[in-house]
Amino acid sequence: MLEEFDDKIFNALVEKIEVLSPTHFVFVLKSGMIVEEIKDIDKI
């Protein structure tokens, strides 16, 4: 789960972020890897 990050490292790794809903994100990394994050609404 992504909670804290260094801006420079994050920007060097992440190509784009797709927000599918307020609790559902897709991170497309510059390497081509896709990382999907779904937050549990009860834990926000």
PDB file of N, CA and C in Angstrom:
ATOM      1  N   MET A   1       0.851  -1.178   0.000  1.00  0.00           N
ATOM      2  CA  MET A   1       0.000   0.000   0.000  1.00  0.00           C
ATOM      3  C   MET A   1       0.898   1.243   0.000  1.00  0.00           C
ATOM      4  N   LEU A   2       0.562   2.170  -0.853  1.00  0.00           N
ATOM      5  CA  LEU A   2       1.331   3.401  -0.964  1.00  0.00           C
ATOM      6  C   LEU A   2       0.830   4.402   0.071  1.00  0.00           C
ATOM      7  N   GLU A   3       1.693   4.742   1.019  1.00  0.00           N
ATOM      8  CA  GLU A   3       1.305   5.711   2.039  1.00  0.00           C
ATOM      9  C   GLU A   3       2.239   6.904   2.070  1.00  0.00           C
ATOM     10  N   GLU A   4       3.542   6.655   1.972  1.00  0.00           N
ATOM     11  CA  GLU A   4       4.521   7.734   1.965  1.00  0.00           C
ATOM     12  C   GLU A   4       5.501   7.488   0.838  1.00  0.00           C
ATOM     13  N   PHE A   5       6.008   8.569   0.241  1.00  0.00           N
ATOM     14  CA  PHE A   5       6.970   8.416  -0.826  1.00  0.00           C
ATOM     15  C   PHE A   5       7.784   9.687  -0.985  1.00  0.00           C
ATOM     16  N   ASP A   6       8.947   9.542  -1.566  1.00  0.00           N
ATOM     17  CA  ASP A   6       9.802  10.673  -1.902  1.00  0.00           C
ATOM     18  C   ASP A   6       9.374  11.153  -3.291  1.00  0.00           C
ATOM     19  N   ASP A   7       9.083  12.425  -3.433  1.00  0.00           N
ATOM     20  CA  ASP A   7       8.588  12.970  -4.702  1.00  0.00           C
ATOM     21  C   ASP A   7       9.521  12.680  -5.871  1.00  0.00           C
ATOM     22  N   LYS A   8      10.822  12.831  -5.674  1.00  0.00           N
ATOM     23  CA  LYS A   8      11.771  12.626  -6.772  1.00  0.00           C
ATOM     24  C   LYS A   8      11.791  11.170  -7.219  1.00  0.00           C
ATOM     25  N   ILE A   9      11.793  10.263  -6.268  1.00  0.00           N
ATOM     26  CA  ILE A   9      11.781   8.834  -6.611  1.00  0.00           C
ATOM     27  C   ILE A   9      10.468   8.473  -7.281  1.00  0.00           C
ATOM     28  N   PHE A  10       9.369   8.944  -6.731  1.00  0.00           N
ATOM     29  CA  PHE A  10       8.049   8.667  -7.299  1.00  0.00           C
ATOM     30  C   PHE A  10       7.972   9.150  -8.743  1.00  0.00           C
ATOM     31  N   ASN A  11       8.381  10.384  -8.986  1.00  0.00           N
ATOM     32  CA  ASN A  11       8.327  10.959 -10.335  1.00  0.00           C
ATOM     33  C   ASN A  11       9.266  10.246 -11.303  1.00  0.00           C
ATOM     34  N   ALA A  12      10.369   9.704 -10.801  1.00  0.00           N
ATOM     35  CA  ALA A  12      11.301   8.972 -11.655  1.00  0.00           C
ATOM     36  C   ALA A  12      10.741   7.607 -12.056  1.00  0.00           C
ATOM     37  N   LEU A  13       9.851   7.054 -11.266  1.00  0.00           N
ATOM     38  CA  LEU A  13       9.326   5.712 -11.514  1.00  0.00           C
ATOM     39  C   LEU A  13       7.966   5.681 -12.194  1.00  0.00           C
ATOM     40  N   VAL A  14       7.119   6.661 -11.912  1.00  0.00           N
ATOM     41  CA  VAL A  14       5.726   6.606 -12.353  1.00  0.00           C
ATOM     42  C   VAL A  14       5.521   7.407 -13.634  1.00  0.00           C
ATOM     43  N   GLU A  15       4.974   6.741 -14.651  1.00  0.00           N
ATOM     44  CA  GLU A  15       4.658   7.388 -15.925  1.00  0.00           C
ATOM     45  C   GLU A  15       3.333   8.134 -15.823  1.00  0.00           C
ATOM     46  N   LYS A  16       2.298   7.457 -15.302  1.00  0.00           N
ATOM     47  CA  LYS A  16       0.998   8.107 -15.153  1.00  0.00           C
ATOM     48  C   LYS A  16       0.181   7.390 -14.085  1.00  0.00           C
ATOM     49  N   ILE A  17      -0.831   8.089 -13.602  1.00  0.00           N
ATOM     50  CA  ILE A  17      -1.762   7.550 -12.620  1.00  0.00           C
ATOM     51  C   ILE A  17      -3.161   7.692 -13.199  1.00  0.00           C
ATOM     52  N   GLU A  18      -3.875   6.599 -13.243  1.00  0.00           N
ATOM     53  CA  GLU A  18      -5.268   6.630 -13.684  1.00  0.00           C
ATOM     54  C   GLU A  18      -6.140   6.496 -12.445  1.00  0.00           C
ATOM     55  N   VAL A  19      -7.018   7.446 -12.228  1.00  0.00           N
ATOM     56  CA  VAL A  19      -7.946   7.400 -11.096  1.00  0.00           C
ATOM     57  C   VAL A  19      -9.274   6.877 -11.631  1.00  0.00           C
ATOM     58  N   LEU A  20      -9.591   5.641 -11.263  1.00  0.00           N
ATOM     59  CA  LEU A  20     -10.815   5.021 -11.748  1.00  0.00           C
ATOM     60  C   LEU A  20     -12.008   5.348 -10.856  1.00  0.00           C
ATOM     61  N   SER A  21     -11.725   5.605  -9.588  1.00  0.00           N
ATOM     62  CA  SER A  21     -12.735   6.042  -8.623  1.00  0.00           C
ATOM     63  C   SER A  21     -11.955   6.634  -7.452  1.00  0.00           C
ATOM     64  N   PRO A  22     -12.614   7.254  -6.492  1.00  0.00           N
ATOM     65  CA  PRO A  22     -11.882   7.824  -5.353  1.00  0.00           C
ATOM     66  C   PRO A  22     -11.075   6.796  -4.549  1.00  0.00           C
ATOM     67  N   THR A  23     -11.380   5.522  -4.705  1.00  0.00           N
ATOM     68  CA  THR A  23     -10.666   4.488  -3.955  1.00  0.00           C
ATOM     69  C   THR A  23      -9.935   3.493  -4.852  1.00  0.00           C
ATOM     70  N   HIS A  24      -9.886   3.749  -6.160  1.00  0.00           N
ATOM     71  CA  HIS A  24      -9.297   2.801  -7.104  1.00  0.00           C
ATOM     72  C   HIS A  24      -8.347   3.536  -8.052  1.00  0.00           C
ATOM     73  N   PHE A  25      -7.049   3.231  -7.932  1.00  0.00           N
ATOM     74  CA  PHE A  25      -6.011   3.883  -8.719  1.00  0.00           C
ATOM     75  C   PHE A  25      -5.227   2.842  -9.499  1.00  0.00           C
ATOM     76  N   VAL A  26      -4.746   3.226 -10.684  1.00  0.00           N
ATOM     77  CA  VAL A  26      -3.846   2.382 -11.461  1.00  0.00           C
ATOM     78  C   VAL A  26      -2.597   3.216 -11.744  1.00  0.00           C
ATOM     79  N   PHE A  27      -1.456   2.716 -11.294  1.00  0.00           N
ATOM     80  CA  PHE A  27      -0.176   3.374 -11.525  1.00  0.00           C
ATOM     81  C   PHE A  27       0.506   2.670 -12.692  1.00  0.00           C
ATOM     82  N   VAL A  28       0.880   3.422 -13.718  1.00  0.00           N
ATOM     83  CA  VAL A  28       1.633   2.874 -14.842  1.00  0.00           C
ATOM     84  C   VAL A  28       3.074   3.342 -14.652  1.00  0.00           C
ATOM     85  N   LEU A  29       3.968   2.379 -14.427  1.00  0.00           N
ATOM     86  CA  LEU A  29       5.367   2.707 -14.187  1.00  0.00           C
ATOM     87  C   LEU A  29       6.107   2.877 -15.500  1.00  0.00           C
ATOM     88  N   LYS A  30       7.199   3.614 -15.470  1.00  0.00           N
ATOM     89  CA  LYS A  30       7.982   3.851 -16.679  1.00  0.00           C
ATOM     90  C   LYS A  30       8.566   2.560 -17.231  1.00  0.00           C
ATOM     91  N   SER A  31       8.678   1.542 -16.410  1.00  0.00           N
ATOM     92  CA  SER A  31       9.178   0.235 -16.857  1.00  0.00           C
ATOM     93  C   SER A  31       8.112  -0.541 -17.628  1.00  0.00           C
ATOM     94  N   GLY A  32       6.858  -0.036 -17.608  1.00  0.00           N
ATOM     95  CA  GLY A  32       5.758  -0.721 -18.266  1.00  0.00           C
ATOM     96  C   GLY A  32       4.897  -1.523 -17.301  1.00  0.00           C
ATOM     97  N   MET A  33       5.371  -1.700 -16.096  1.00  0.00           N
ATOM     98  CA  MET A  33       4.605  -2.447 -15.096  1.00  0.00           C
ATOM     99  C   MET A  33       3.384  -1.639 -14.665  1.00  0.00           C
ATOM    100  N   ILE A  34       2.279  -2.340 -14.409  1.00  0.00           N
ATOM    101  CA  ILE A  34       1.045  -1.701 -13.968  1.00  0.00           C
ATOM    102  C   ILE A  34       0.747  -2.159 -12.542  1.00  0.00           C
ATOM    103  N   VAL A  35       0.527  -1.187 -11.651  1.00  0.00           N
ATOM    104  CA  VAL A  35       0.239  -1.486 -10.253  1.00  0.00           C
ATOM    105  C   VAL A  35      -1.135  -0.922  -9.932  1.00  0.00           C
ATOM    106  N   GLU A  36      -2.016  -1.779  -9.460  1.00  0.00           N
ATOM    107  CA  GLU A  36      -3.381  -1.372  -9.146  1.00  0.00           C
ATOM    108  C   GLU A  36      -3.532  -1.273  -7.628  1.00  0.00           C
ATOM    109  N   GLU A  37      -4.154  -0.216  -7.175  1.00  0.00           N
ATOM    110  CA  GLU A  37      -4.362   0.025  -5.735  1.00  0.00           C
ATOM    111  C   GLU A  37      -5.839   0.267  -5.506  1.00  0.00           C
ATOM    112  N   ILE A  38      -6.436  -0.545  -4.659  1.00  0.00           N
ATOM    113  CA  ILE A  38      -7.832  -0.367  -4.281  1.00  0.00           C
ATOM    114  C   ILE A  38      -7.881  -0.188  -2.763  1.00  0.00           C
ATOM    115  N   LYS A  39      -8.314   0.965  -2.331  1.00  0.00           N
ATOM    116  CA  LYS A  39      -8.409   1.260  -0.900  1.00  0.00           C
ATOM    117  C   LYS A  39      -9.727   0.750  -0.354  1.00  0.00           C
ATOM    118  N   ASP A  40      -9.672   0.246   0.842  1.00  0.00           N
ATOM    119  CA  ASP A  40     -10.886  -0.160   1.547  1.00  0.00           C
ATOM    120  C   ASP A  40     -11.512   1.103   2.121  1.00  0.00           C
ATOM    121  N   ILE A  41     -12.695   1.456   1.682  1.00  0.00           N
ATOM    122  CA  ILE A  41     -13.364   2.692   2.092  1.00  0.00           C
ATOM    123  C   ILE A  41     -13.543   2.766   3.599  1.00  0.00           C
ATOM    124  N   ASP A  42     -13.663   1.643   4.276  1.00  0.00           N
ATOM    125  CA  ASP A  42     -13.831   1.623   5.726  1.00  0.00           C
ATOM    126  C   ASP A  42     -12.563   2.003   6.469  1.00  0.00           C
ATOM    127  N   LYS A  43     -11.395   1.945   5.796  1.00  0.00           N
ATOM    128  CA  LYS A  43     -10.124   2.241   6.446  1.00  0.00           C
ATOM    129  C   LYS A  43      -9.617   3.648   6.141  1.00  0.00           C
ATOM    130  N   ILE A  44     -10.365   4.420   5.377  1.00  0.00           N
ATOM    131  CA  ILE A  44      -9.930   5.781   5.026  1.00  0.00           C
ATOM    132  C   ILE A  44     -10.280   6.744   6.135  1.00  0.00           C
TER     133      ILE A  44
END
